């Protein structure tokens, strides 16, 4: 799922995600749609590992 736009002040921006990043998984579960992403974030009880690709490199962002 490609990040197309991030609103100023949005959580994604504060976490360091940028336009063009491709979110591929949350807590090890692949996400393909915004609905899946939101569902996984809501069910994670406040702790997330977000795996994304940027410039051909896969990275994981841990949020507690």
Protein backbone atom coordinates (compact mmCIF):
# COMPACT_ATOMS: atom_id res chain seq x y z
CA UNK A 1 0.00 0.00 0.00
CA UNK A 2 1.69 3.19 -1.20
CA UNK A 3 1.50 6.34 0.90
CA UNK A 4 0.27 8.90 -1.60
CA UNK A 5 -0.22 11.86 0.70
CA UNK A 6 0.34 12.66 4.37
CA UNK A 7 -1.46 15.54 5.98
CA UNK A 8 0.67 17.98 7.94
CA UNK A 9 0.79 16.94 11.58
CA UNK A 10 -0.54 13.44 10.87
CA UNK A 11 0.74 10.56 12.98
CA UNK A 12 2.43 9.02 9.95
CA UNK A 13 4.46 12.20 9.47
CA UNK A 14 5.46 12.35 13.13
CA UNK A 15 6.63 8.72 12.90
CA UNK A 16 8.86 9.50 9.94
CA UNK A 17 6.85 7.90 7.15
CA UNK A 18 6.96 9.85 3.89
CA UNK A 19 5.10 10.04 0.61
CA UNK A 20 6.11 7.09 -1.56
CA UNK A 21 6.76 4.67 1.30
CA UNK A 22 5.06 1.32 0.70
CA UNK A 23 3.53 -0.23 3.82
CA UNK A 24 3.71 -4.00 3.45
CA UNK A 25 2.85 -5.37 6.91
CA UNK A 26 1.69 -4.57 10.42
CA UNK A 27 2.84 -6.89 13.20
CA UNK A 28 3.91 -9.44 10.60
CA UNK A 29 0.57 -9.51 8.78
CA UNK A 30 0.60 -8.36 5.14
CA UNK A 31 -1.66 -5.40 4.35
CA UNK A 32 -2.97 -4.59 0.89
CA UNK A 33 -5.74 -2.09 1.57
CA UNK A 34 -6.46 0.85 3.85
CA UNK A 35 -9.20 -1.22 5.47
CA UNK A 36 -6.72 -3.98 6.36
CA UNK A 37 -4.23 -1.41 7.66
CA UNK A 38 -6.80 0.27 9.88
CA UNK A 39 -8.08 -3.08 11.17
CA UNK A 40 -4.59 -4.26 12.06
CA UNK A 41 -3.69 -0.98 13.76
CA UNK A 42 -6.95 -1.00 15.76
CA UNK A 43 -6.49 -4.59 16.92
CA UNK A 44 -2.84 -4.25 17.94
CA UNK A 45 -3.50 -2.87 21.44
CA UNK A 46 -1.16 0.11 21.04
CA UNK A 47 2.02 -1.68 19.97
CA UNK A 48 2.93 -1.97 16.31
CA UNK A 49 5.72 -3.14 14.05
CA UNK A 50 5.13 -1.45 10.70
CA UNK A 51 7.14 -2.91 7.84
CA UNK A 52 7.55 -0.69 4.81
CA UNK A 53 9.74 -0.25 1.74
CA UNK A 54 11.58 2.95 0.89
CA UNK A 55 14.06 3.34 -1.95
CA UNK A 56 14.19 -0.43 -2.47
CA UNK A 57 15.04 -1.12 1.19
CA UNK A 58 12.69 -2.88 3.63
CA UNK A 59 12.51 -1.24 7.05
CA UNK A 60 10.53 -1.86 10.23
CA UNK A 61 9.29 0.88 12.48
CA UNK A 62 8.44 -0.17 16.05
CA UNK A 63 5.85 1.87 17.93
CA UNK A 64 5.07 1.17 21.59
